[in-house]
């Protein structure tokens, strides 16, 4: 059984589209595409489901299709906006994959030369480091230094959202 992170209430249900730092870039019947307030790469976005579900295994067929269509749409906008060398997409299922929030989210990240991110999601440096003791709440305290490095102002996020929106395909 996949062990899920514990967060109550769900931070994505509570903040996505309701706070400037989690602004909506695009939306569909089943998804919201939001800016990630921690810009490990400029333009990093997440496609989330409107319905609160934890993992890929919980999605309906319609949600699966909508997530991929939304991811492709924002990836096209990121290419137009930033001319990246690549687009990294990833999604974590369970604490041992690095999932920190028990709400499905699919990362879409433009990759540029000079990134210090490395290959793949940054939280997976070690498999054992990704897991947490069963039944404990997620403690993001250990992530503070990493997140501080990539924290940007609300006005910078708003400009990033504006640029990406302006480059969404018709």
N, C-alpha and C. Protein backbone atom coordinates (compact mmCIF):
# COMPACT_ATOMS: atom_id res chain seq x y z
N UNK A 1 0.85 -1.19 0.00
CA UNK A 1 0.00 0.00 0.00
C UNK A 1 0.89 1.24 0.00
N UNK A 2 0.51 2.22 -0.79
CA UNK A 2 1.27 3.46 -0.90
C UNK A 2 0.99 4.32 0.33
N UNK A 3 2.05 4.71 1.02
CA UNK A 3 1.92 5.57 2.18
C UNK A 3 1.85 7.02 1.73
N UNK A 4 0.82 7.71 2.16
CA UNK A 4 0.61 9.09 1.75
C UNK A 4 1.08 10.07 2.81
N UNK A 5 1.50 11.26 2.39
CA UNK A 5 1.80 12.30 3.37
C UNK A 5 0.50 12.73 4.04
N UNK A 6 0.61 13.25 5.24
CA UNK A 6 -0.57 13.69 5.97
C UNK A 6 -0.55 15.20 6.06
N UNK A 7 -1.59 15.82 5.53
CA UNK A 7 -1.79 17.26 5.65
C UNK A 7 -3.29 17.48 5.75
N UNK A 8 -3.71 18.05 6.83
CA UNK A 8 -5.13 18.31 7.02
C UNK A 8 -5.28 19.69 7.63
N UNK A 9 -5.81 20.65 6.92
CA UNK A 9 -6.46 20.51 5.62
C UNK A 9 -5.43 20.42 4.49
N UNK A 10 -5.90 20.04 3.32
CA UNK A 10 -5.05 19.93 2.14
C UNK A 10 -4.63 21.33 1.71
N UNK A 11 -3.30 21.53 1.60
CA UNK A 11 -2.82 22.87 1.25
C UNK A 11 -3.21 23.27 -0.17
N UNK A 12 -3.31 22.33 -1.11
CA UNK A 12 -3.71 22.70 -2.47
C UNK A 12 -5.20 23.04 -2.53
N UNK A 13 -6.03 22.29 -1.84
CA UNK A 13 -7.46 22.61 -1.81
C UNK A 13 -7.68 23.99 -1.17
N UNK A 14 -6.87 24.32 -0.17
CA UNK A 14 -7.02 25.57 0.57
C UNK A 14 -6.46 26.78 -0.16
N UNK A 15 -5.38 26.60 -0.97
CA UNK A 15 -4.67 27.77 -1.48
C UNK A 15 -4.70 27.94 -2.99
N UNK A 16 -4.82 26.87 -3.77
CA UNK A 16 -4.74 26.98 -5.23
C UNK A 16 -5.82 27.91 -5.77
N UNK A 17 -5.38 28.98 -6.39
CA UNK A 17 -6.30 29.95 -6.97
C UNK A 17 -6.92 30.89 -5.97
N UNK A 18 -6.65 30.68 -4.70
CA UNK A 18 -7.21 31.55 -3.66
C UNK A 18 -6.16 32.50 -3.07
N UNK A 19 -4.90 32.21 -3.33
CA UNK A 19 -3.81 33.06 -2.87
C UNK A 19 -2.96 33.45 -4.08
N UNK A 20 -2.45 34.68 -4.05
CA UNK A 20 -1.64 35.16 -5.18
C UNK A 20 -0.43 34.28 -5.45
N UNK A 21 0.13 33.68 -4.40
CA UNK A 21 1.32 32.85 -4.56
C UNK A 21 0.99 31.52 -5.25
N UNK A 22 -0.27 31.18 -5.37
CA UNK A 22 -0.71 29.95 -6.05
C UNK A 22 -1.68 30.33 -7.16
N UNK A 23 -1.33 31.32 -7.95
CA UNK A 23 -2.23 31.86 -8.97
C UNK A 23 -2.52 30.83 -10.07
N UNK A 24 -3.73 30.90 -10.58
CA UNK A 24 -4.16 30.03 -11.67
C UNK A 24 -3.65 30.60 -12.99
N UNK A 25 -3.00 29.74 -13.76
CA UNK A 25 -2.52 30.09 -15.10
C UNK A 25 -3.57 29.71 -16.14
N UNK A 26 -4.19 28.55 -15.94
CA UNK A 26 -5.13 28.01 -16.91
C UNK A 26 -6.05 27.06 -16.16
N UNK A 27 -7.20 26.78 -16.74
CA UNK A 27 -8.12 25.83 -16.10
C UNK A 27 -8.96 25.10 -17.13
N UNK A 28 -9.39 23.91 -16.72
CA UNK A 28 -10.30 23.10 -17.53
C UNK A 28 -11.36 22.54 -16.59
N UNK A 29 -12.24 21.74 -17.13
CA UNK A 29 -13.31 21.16 -16.31
C UNK A 29 -12.75 20.37 -15.13
N UNK A 30 -11.64 19.64 -15.35
CA UNK A 30 -11.10 18.76 -14.32
C UNK A 30 -9.80 19.24 -13.68
N UNK A 31 -9.17 20.29 -14.23
CA UNK A 31 -7.85 20.69 -13.76
C UNK A 31 -7.71 22.19 -13.55
N UNK A 32 -6.74 22.53 -12.74
CA UNK A 32 -6.23 23.89 -12.62
C UNK A 32 -4.74 23.81 -12.87
N UNK A 33 -4.20 24.72 -13.68
CA UNK A 33 -2.76 24.83 -13.83
C UNK A 33 -2.35 26.05 -13.03
N UNK A 34 -1.47 25.83 -12.06
CA UNK A 34 -1.09 26.89 -11.13
C UNK A 34 0.41 27.12 -11.16
N UNK A 35 0.80 28.31 -10.76
CA UNK A 35 2.22 28.62 -10.62
C UNK A 35 2.71 27.97 -9.32
N UNK A 36 3.91 27.45 -9.36
CA UNK A 36 4.52 26.93 -8.14
C UNK A 36 5.21 28.12 -7.45
N UNK A 37 4.85 28.45 -6.20
CA UNK A 37 5.47 29.60 -5.57
C UNK A 37 6.96 29.42 -5.30
N UNK A 38 7.43 28.19 -5.35
CA UNK A 38 8.86 27.93 -5.22
C UNK A 38 9.39 27.68 -6.63
N UNK A 39 10.02 28.68 -7.18
CA UNK A 39 10.48 28.64 -8.57
C UNK A 39 11.88 28.04 -8.65
N UNK A 40 11.95 26.71 -8.54
CA UNK A 40 13.23 26.01 -8.72
C UNK A 40 13.76 26.29 -10.11
N UNK A 41 12.86 26.46 -11.06
CA UNK A 41 13.16 26.96 -12.40
C UNK A 41 12.10 28.01 -12.70
N UNK A 42 12.49 29.12 -13.32
CA UNK A 42 11.53 30.17 -13.65
C UNK A 42 10.46 29.60 -14.58
N UNK A 43 9.21 29.74 -14.16
CA UNK A 43 8.10 29.24 -14.94
C UNK A 43 7.56 27.91 -14.46
N UNK A 44 8.12 27.35 -13.40
CA UNK A 44 7.67 26.05 -12.91
C UNK A 44 6.19 26.10 -12.53
N UNK A 45 5.42 25.15 -13.06
CA UNK A 45 3.98 25.09 -12.85
C UNK A 45 3.59 23.71 -12.35
N UNK A 46 2.36 23.61 -11.86
CA UNK A 46 1.76 22.32 -11.51
C UNK A 46 0.35 22.27 -12.09
N UNK A 47 0.00 21.13 -12.64
CA UNK A 47 -1.38 20.86 -13.03
C UNK A 47 -1.97 20.04 -11.89
N UNK A 48 -3.05 20.54 -11.30
CA UNK A 48 -3.69 19.82 -10.20
C UNK A 48 -5.12 19.47 -10.59
N UNK A 49 -5.66 18.48 -9.92
CA UNK A 49 -7.05 18.12 -10.16
C UNK A 49 -7.95 19.01 -9.31
N UNK A 50 -9.10 19.34 -9.85
CA UNK A 50 -10.09 20.10 -9.08
C UNK A 50 -10.61 19.24 -7.93
N UNK A 51 -10.81 17.97 -8.23
CA UNK A 51 -11.29 17.04 -7.21
C UNK A 51 -10.11 16.64 -6.34
N UNK A 52 -10.32 16.56 -5.04
CA UNK A 52 -9.25 16.15 -4.13
C UNK A 52 -9.06 14.64 -4.23
N UNK A 53 -7.98 14.26 -4.89
CA UNK A 53 -7.54 12.86 -4.95
C UNK A 53 -6.04 12.87 -4.69
N UNK A 54 -5.53 11.80 -4.11
CA UNK A 54 -4.14 11.80 -3.65
C UNK A 54 -3.13 11.41 -4.73
N UNK A 55 -3.43 10.41 -5.55
CA UNK A 55 -2.41 9.87 -6.45
C UNK A 55 -2.97 9.62 -7.84
N UNK A 56 -2.06 9.30 -8.73
CA UNK A 56 -2.40 8.90 -10.09
C UNK A 56 -3.39 7.74 -10.09
N UNK A 57 -3.25 6.85 -9.15
CA UNK A 57 -4.11 5.67 -9.07
C UNK A 57 -5.56 6.02 -8.74
N UNK A 58 -5.78 7.22 -8.22
CA UNK A 58 -7.13 7.65 -7.82
C UNK A 58 -7.87 8.44 -8.89
N UNK A 59 -7.18 8.78 -9.98
CA UNK A 59 -7.79 9.60 -11.02
C UNK A 59 -8.79 8.82 -11.85
N UNK A 60 -9.83 9.51 -12.29
CA UNK A 60 -10.74 8.93 -13.28
C UNK A 60 -10.06 9.00 -14.65
N UNK A 61 -10.61 8.28 -15.62
CA UNK A 61 -10.06 8.35 -16.97
C UNK A 61 -10.15 9.78 -17.53
N UNK A 62 -11.25 10.46 -17.24
CA UNK A 62 -11.41 11.84 -17.72
C UNK A 62 -10.37 12.77 -17.09
N UNK A 63 -10.09 12.56 -15.81
CA UNK A 63 -9.08 13.38 -15.15
C UNK A 63 -7.69 13.10 -15.71
N UNK A 64 -7.38 11.83 -15.97
CA UNK A 64 -6.07 11.49 -16.56
C UNK A 64 -5.88 12.21 -17.89
N UNK A 65 -6.89 12.14 -18.72
CA UNK A 65 -6.80 12.80 -20.03
C UNK A 65 -6.66 14.31 -19.86
N UNK A 66 -7.45 14.90 -18.96
CA UNK A 66 -7.42 16.34 -18.76
C UNK A 66 -6.06 16.80 -18.21
N UNK A 67 -5.45 16.02 -17.33
CA UNK A 67 -4.14 16.38 -16.79
C UNK A 67 -3.11 16.44 -17.90
N UNK A 68 -3.06 15.42 -18.75
CA UNK A 68 -2.06 15.41 -19.81
C UNK A 68 -2.30 16.50 -20.85
N UNK A 69 -3.56 16.76 -21.18
CA UNK A 69 -3.85 17.85 -22.12
C UNK A 69 -3.45 19.20 -21.53
N UNK A 70 -3.72 19.40 -20.23
CA UNK A 70 -3.34 20.65 -19.57
C UNK A 70 -1.82 20.78 -19.47
N UNK A 71 -1.15 19.68 -19.18
CA UNK A 71 0.32 19.70 -19.10
C UNK A 71 0.92 20.05 -20.45
N UNK A 72 0.39 19.46 -21.51
CA UNK A 72 0.91 19.77 -22.85
C UNK A 72 0.66 21.23 -23.19
N UNK A 73 -0.52 21.73 -22.85
CA UNK A 73 -0.88 23.12 -23.15
C UNK A 73 0.07 24.09 -22.44
N UNK A 74 0.33 23.86 -21.15
CA UNK A 74 1.22 24.78 -20.44
C UNK A 74 2.67 24.59 -20.90
N UNK A 75 3.06 23.37 -21.26
CA UNK A 75 4.41 23.14 -21.79
C UNK A 75 4.61 23.95 -23.08
N UNK A 76 3.60 23.98 -23.93
CA UNK A 76 3.69 24.78 -25.16
C UNK A 76 3.88 26.26 -24.82
N UNK A 77 3.15 26.73 -23.81
CA UNK A 77 3.28 28.12 -23.39
C UNK A 77 4.66 28.39 -22.79
N UNK A 78 5.19 27.44 -22.05
CA UNK A 78 6.53 27.60 -21.46
C UNK A 78 7.60 27.67 -22.54
N UNK A 79 7.46 26.86 -23.57
CA UNK A 79 8.42 26.90 -24.69
C UNK A 79 8.36 28.27 -25.36
N UNK A 80 7.17 28.79 -25.59
CA UNK A 80 7.03 30.11 -26.21
C UNK A 80 7.57 31.21 -25.30
N UNK A 81 7.36 31.05 -23.99
CA UNK A 81 7.74 32.09 -23.03
C UNK A 81 9.23 32.13 -22.74
N UNK A 82 9.85 30.95 -22.59
CA UNK A 82 11.22 30.89 -22.06
C UNK A 82 12.24 30.23 -22.98
N UNK A 83 11.79 29.60 -24.04
CA UNK A 83 12.70 28.88 -24.95
C UNK A 83 13.66 27.97 -24.17
N UNK A 84 13.10 27.08 -23.34
CA UNK A 84 13.95 26.21 -22.51
C UNK A 84 14.68 25.17 -23.34
N UNK A 85 15.72 24.60 -22.75
CA UNK A 85 16.45 23.51 -23.40
C UNK A 85 15.70 22.19 -23.27
N UNK A 86 14.79 22.12 -22.32
CA UNK A 86 13.98 20.91 -22.12
C UNK A 86 12.81 21.23 -21.20
N UNK A 87 11.87 20.30 -21.17
CA UNK A 87 10.72 20.40 -20.26
C UNK A 87 10.74 19.14 -19.40
N UNK A 88 10.84 19.33 -18.09
CA UNK A 88 10.78 18.23 -17.14
C UNK A 88 9.36 18.10 -16.64
N UNK A 89 8.81 16.90 -16.72
CA UNK A 89 7.49 16.64 -16.14
C UNK A 89 7.65 15.49 -15.16
N UNK A 90 6.99 15.61 -14.01
CA UNK A 90 7.03 14.51 -13.05
C UNK A 90 5.85 14.61 -12.10
N UNK A 91 5.59 13.47 -11.46
CA UNK A 91 4.47 13.37 -10.54
C UNK A 91 4.83 12.29 -9.53
N UNK A 92 4.65 12.57 -8.25
CA UNK A 92 5.03 11.65 -7.17
C UNK A 92 3.80 11.01 -6.54
N UNK A 93 3.91 9.73 -6.22
CA UNK A 93 2.81 8.99 -5.58
C UNK A 93 3.31 8.35 -4.31
N UNK A 94 3.00 8.95 -3.17
CA UNK A 94 3.41 8.42 -1.88
C UNK A 94 4.68 9.06 -1.37
N UNK A 95 4.87 8.99 -0.04
CA UNK A 95 6.02 9.66 0.57
C UNK A 95 7.34 9.10 0.08
N UNK A 96 7.40 7.83 -0.29
CA UNK A 96 8.66 7.27 -0.74
C UNK A 96 8.98 7.62 -2.19
N UNK A 97 8.09 8.33 -2.84
CA UNK A 97 8.40 8.89 -4.15
C UNK A 97 8.73 10.37 -4.03
N UNK A 98 8.57 10.92 -2.82
CA UNK A 98 8.82 12.33 -2.59
C UNK A 98 7.57 13.18 -2.54
N UNK A 99 6.39 12.56 -2.57
CA UNK A 99 5.14 13.33 -2.50
C UNK A 99 5.04 14.01 -1.14
N UNK A 100 4.78 15.32 -1.15
CA UNK A 100 4.69 16.09 0.08
C UNK A 100 3.26 16.52 0.40
N UNK A 101 2.41 16.55 -0.60
CA UNK A 101 1.02 16.97 -0.44
C UNK A 101 0.11 15.86 -0.94
N UNK A 102 -0.88 15.44 -0.15
CA UNK A 102 -1.75 14.35 -0.57
C UNK A 102 -2.85 14.79 -1.53
N UNK A 103 -2.47 15.57 -2.53
CA UNK A 103 -3.39 16.01 -3.58
C UNK A 103 -2.63 15.85 -4.89
N UNK A 104 -3.21 15.18 -5.86
CA UNK A 104 -2.54 14.94 -7.12
C UNK A 104 -2.06 16.25 -7.73
N UNK A 105 -0.80 16.28 -8.13
CA UNK A 105 -0.25 17.41 -8.87
C UNK A 105 0.87 16.92 -9.78
N UNK A 106 0.87 17.48 -10.99
CA UNK A 106 1.80 17.07 -12.05
C UNK A 106 2.66 18.28 -12.38
N UNK A 107 3.95 18.16 -12.12
CA UNK A 107 4.88 19.27 -12.33
C UNK A 107 5.24 19.41 -13.81
N UNK A 108 5.29 20.65 -14.29
CA UNK A 108 5.74 20.98 -15.64
C UNK A 108 6.78 22.08 -15.48
N UNK A 109 8.03 21.75 -15.83
CA UNK A 109 9.15 22.62 -15.47
C UNK A 109 10.03 22.90 -16.69
N UNK A 110 10.18 24.17 -17.07
CA UNK A 110 11.13 24.49 -18.14
C UNK A 110 12.56 24.42 -17.59
N UNK A 111 13.44 23.71 -18.28
CA UNK A 111 14.81 23.54 -17.80
C UNK A 111 15.75 24.41 -18.61
N UNK A 112 16.65 25.09 -17.92
CA UNK A 112 17.60 26.00 -18.54
C UNK A 112 19.03 25.60 -18.19
N UNK A 113 19.95 25.99 -19.02
CA UNK A 113 21.37 25.79 -18.75
C UNK A 113 21.74 26.53 -17.46
N UNK A 114 22.58 25.91 -16.65
CA UNK A 114 23.04 26.55 -15.43
C UNK A 114 22.18 26.24 -14.23
N UNK A 115 21.14 25.44 -14.38
CA UNK A 115 20.30 25.08 -13.26
C UNK A 115 21.13 24.27 -12.26
N UNK A 116 20.88 24.50 -10.98
CA UNK A 116 21.55 23.67 -9.97
C UNK A 116 20.62 22.60 -9.42
N UNK A 117 19.54 22.35 -10.14
CA UNK A 117 18.55 21.38 -9.71
C UNK A 117 19.08 19.95 -9.82
N UNK A 118 19.82 19.67 -10.86
CA UNK A 118 20.25 18.29 -11.11
C UNK A 118 19.23 17.59 -11.97
N UNK A 119 19.24 16.28 -11.98
CA UNK A 119 18.32 15.48 -12.79
C UNK A 119 17.18 15.00 -11.91
N UNK A 120 15.96 15.22 -12.33
CA UNK A 120 14.80 14.74 -11.60
C UNK A 120 14.42 15.64 -10.44
N UNK A 121 13.41 15.23 -9.69
CA UNK A 121 12.92 16.03 -8.58
C UNK A 121 13.98 16.19 -7.48
N UNK A 122 14.13 17.39 -6.92
CA UNK A 122 15.19 17.64 -5.95
C UNK A 122 15.02 16.89 -4.64
N UNK A 123 13.80 16.52 -4.29
CA UNK A 123 13.59 15.86 -3.01
C UNK A 123 13.97 14.38 -3.03
N UNK A 124 14.41 13.86 -4.17
CA UNK A 124 14.73 12.44 -4.26
C UNK A 124 16.23 12.18 -4.26
N UNK A 125 16.99 13.02 -3.57
CA UNK A 125 18.43 12.80 -3.51
C UNK A 125 18.73 11.41 -2.94
N UNK A 126 17.98 11.00 -1.93
CA UNK A 126 18.12 9.65 -1.39
C UNK A 126 16.73 9.08 -1.18
N UNK A 127 16.55 7.82 -1.48
CA UNK A 127 15.25 7.19 -1.32
C UNK A 127 14.81 7.21 0.14
N UNK A 128 15.73 6.86 1.04
CA UNK A 128 15.36 6.83 2.46
C UNK A 128 14.98 8.21 2.98
N UNK A 129 15.61 9.26 2.43
CA UNK A 129 15.30 10.61 2.86
C UNK A 129 13.92 11.07 2.45
N UNK A 130 13.32 10.40 1.48
CA UNK A 130 11.99 10.80 1.01
C UNK A 130 10.89 10.35 1.96
N UNK A 131 11.13 9.25 2.69
CA UNK A 131 10.08 8.68 3.54
C UNK A 131 9.97 9.35 4.89
N UNK A 132 8.80 9.20 5.48
CA UNK A 132 8.57 9.71 6.82
C UNK A 132 7.97 8.59 7.65
N UNK A 133 8.13 8.72 8.93
CA UNK A 133 7.58 7.71 9.83
C UNK A 133 6.07 7.67 9.66
N UNK A 134 5.52 6.46 9.54
CA UNK A 134 4.09 6.28 9.32
C UNK A 134 3.28 7.01 10.39
N UNK A 135 2.25 7.72 9.94
CA UNK A 135 1.35 8.41 10.86
C UNK A 135 1.81 9.79 11.29
N UNK A 136 2.94 10.26 10.80
CA UNK A 136 3.41 11.59 11.20
C UNK A 136 3.04 12.61 10.12
N UNK A 137 2.80 13.82 10.55
CA UNK A 137 2.51 14.90 9.61
C UNK A 137 3.77 15.30 8.88
N UNK A 138 3.59 15.84 7.70
CA UNK A 138 4.73 16.33 6.94
C UNK A 138 5.33 17.53 7.67
N UNK A 139 6.63 17.52 7.84
CA UNK A 139 7.35 18.64 8.45
C UNK A 139 8.26 19.23 7.38
N UNK A 140 7.89 20.39 6.88
CA UNK A 140 8.67 21.00 5.82
C UNK A 140 9.84 21.81 6.36
N UNK A 141 10.08 21.74 7.66
CA UNK A 141 11.18 22.50 8.26
C UNK A 141 12.53 22.21 7.64
N UNK A 142 12.78 20.97 7.26
CA UNK A 142 14.03 20.61 6.63
C UNK A 142 14.17 21.18 5.23
N UNK A 143 13.07 21.62 4.65
CA UNK A 143 13.09 22.17 3.31
C UNK A 143 13.28 23.69 3.30
N UNK A 144 13.34 24.29 4.48
CA UNK A 144 13.35 25.75 4.57
C UNK A 144 14.48 26.38 3.79
N UNK A 145 15.69 25.87 3.92
CA UNK A 145 16.82 26.46 3.22
C UNK A 145 16.67 26.35 1.70
N UNK A 146 16.25 25.16 1.25
CA UNK A 146 16.06 24.94 -0.19
C UNK A 146 14.96 25.85 -0.72
N UNK A 147 13.86 25.97 0.02
CA UNK A 147 12.75 26.80 -0.43
C UNK A 147 13.07 28.29 -0.38
N UNK A 148 13.86 28.69 0.61
CA UNK A 148 14.24 30.11 0.70
C UNK A 148 15.01 30.54 -0.54
N UNK A 149 15.85 29.67 -1.04
CA UNK A 149 16.68 29.98 -2.22
C UNK A 149 15.81 30.24 -3.45
N UNK A 150 14.66 29.62 -3.53
CA UNK A 150 13.83 29.72 -4.73
C UNK A 150 12.55 30.51 -4.51
N UNK A 151 12.44 31.16 -3.36
CA UNK A 151 11.27 32.00 -3.06
C UNK A 151 11.37 33.27 -3.88
N UNK A 152 10.32 33.63 -4.56
CA UNK A 152 10.30 34.89 -5.32
C UNK A 152 9.13 35.73 -4.83
N UNK A 153 9.16 36.99 -5.14
CA UNK A 153 8.12 37.90 -4.68
C UNK A 153 6.79 37.62 -5.39
N UNK A 154 5.73 38.09 -4.77
CA UNK A 154 4.40 37.94 -5.36
C UNK A 154 4.33 38.68 -6.70
N UNK A 155 5.00 39.82 -6.80
CA UNK A 155 4.97 40.56 -8.07
C UNK A 155 5.73 39.81 -9.16
N UNK A 156 6.84 39.13 -8.80
CA UNK A 156 7.55 38.31 -9.79
C UNK A 156 6.69 37.14 -10.24
N UNK A 157 6.00 36.51 -9.30
CA UNK A 157 5.10 35.41 -9.66
C UNK A 157 3.99 35.90 -10.58
N UNK A 158 3.42 37.06 -10.28
CA UNK A 158 2.35 37.61 -11.11
C UNK A 158 2.84 37.88 -12.53
N UNK A 159 4.05 38.38 -12.66
CA UNK A 159 4.62 38.62 -13.99
C UNK A 159 4.84 37.30 -14.73
N UNK A 160 5.31 36.28 -14.02
CA UNK A 160 5.51 34.95 -14.62
C UNK A 160 4.18 34.39 -15.11
N UNK A 161 3.15 34.49 -14.27
CA UNK A 161 1.81 34.01 -14.65
C UNK A 161 1.32 34.77 -15.88
N UNK A 162 1.47 36.09 -15.89
CA UNK A 162 1.02 36.90 -17.03
C UNK A 162 1.71 36.46 -18.32
N UNK A 163 3.03 36.26 -18.25
CA UNK A 163 3.78 35.85 -19.44
C UNK A 163 3.32 34.48 -19.94
N UNK A 164 3.18 33.53 -19.05
CA UNK A 164 2.78 32.17 -19.46
C UNK A 164 1.36 32.21 -20.05
N UNK A 165 0.44 32.90 -19.37
CA UNK A 165 -0.94 33.01 -19.88
C UNK A 165 -0.95 33.60 -21.28
N UNK A 166 -0.12 34.61 -21.51
CA UNK A 166 -0.12 35.28 -22.81
C UNK A 166 0.40 34.38 -23.91
N UNK A 167 1.06 33.29 -23.55
CA UNK A 167 1.60 32.37 -24.54
C UNK A 167 0.88 31.03 -24.60
N UNK A 168 -0.26 30.92 -23.90
CA UNK A 168 -1.05 29.69 -24.03
C UNK A 168 -1.59 29.57 -25.45
N UNK A 169 -1.57 28.35 -26.00
CA UNK A 169 -2.12 28.18 -27.35
C UNK A 169 -3.62 28.45 -27.35
N UNK A 170 -4.13 28.91 -28.52
CA UNK A 170 -5.56 29.18 -28.66
C UNK A 170 -6.36 27.91 -28.66
